Amino acid sequence: MDIAVYLFTGFLEAGKTKFIRETMQDPGFNDGKKKFLIVACESGEEEYEAGELGDNVSLIEVDDPALLTPAFLTDAAKKSGAEILVVEYNGMWMLDTFYNALPENFMVYQEIFIADSTTILSYNANMRQLVVDKLTSCEMAVFNRTNKTTDRMPLHKLVRAISRKANICYEDEEGQIEFDQIEDPLPFDVNADVIEIADVDFALFYRDMTEDFAKYDGKKVRFKGIVATDRMLPAGQFAIGRHIMTCCAADIAYRGVVAKGTCGLKLKTRDWIIVEGTLGEEYSKLYRGKGPVLTVTSAQRAEKPAEEVATFY
């Protein structure tokens, strides 16, 4: 039997327990018939009280990430008879630990990041890697404890620097929720005859292109990038892109697209060039399937940018 998993992430005292309690008391979510198991990986001021959520809800506490294994979760679900797992995850644990512990028949239906609007920017300044870890895969970011004076823009930018897909909402002190309405225009014109990508905008361009390629299919683009050659590619093809940092030096990785045509240049790995060409979707051995391919119409050698590593902020 498949087990549905609802994953709630965030830091200590962010309001996860309260949010989960209110969710479990919603008859639209908990009909009183299906069996639930709450896996609490963190203890704060708020606690679950025995019997408050119904006889169909069981609770297990996990205080060590090493305990999270496929065998442990399978056994816990079996003993409780749970059809649905609700996980209150510890903000100091990396999410890979949880996802690697999921048995094959456990499916994450929704991942929600919950944050205290008054403290999350401080967490981001001091523990950005952990914040990025939680925001990267979440489907919704909930900023609670807001009021009429809350500046929403920094909260909006915090999410959008990491994810353009996640929904954002704000919960005030009375529990009223309002969804984010801030427009988020790209820093370049996707409808231009040639989409010009500034050096500082490459990370945003690359993420938006890979998340919504239809927007760029058949479009002409121009950007500066570093060449990477690969034996898997046919003669005259190479990769062009940048090293991108999401949150810290440890996660810097090269990201680029396959390019066809050198315009007479003899290219080698680590050459910096400015390319112009048309994007399309084609099969490439480098992707092991279809992916974005740039048909180059212009290429010229270039100096490396002031900041070699592209970032989202």
Foldseek 3Di string as FASTA:
>chain_A
DFAEEEAEEEEAPLCPVVVVLVQLQDCVRPVQPAAEEEEEQDDHPDDDDPQPSHPRYHYDYDPDLVCQALVNVVVVCVVSVHRYYYYYDHLVDFCVSNVNRHDPRYDYPFYEYGGALVCVVVCCVVPVVSVLRRLQPHQEYEHEQDDPPRDCVVVVLSNVLRDPRHWYWYAHPVGDIDTDDDDDDQPWDLPDQEIEAEPQRQVVVLVVCQVCVVSQAFHKYKDKFWWAADPQFDPQKTWTFAFEDERDPVPTDTDTAIEGHDPPDDDHGGFIKMWIFGWHWDAGVVVVGIDIYGYTPDMDGDDQDPDRYHGSD
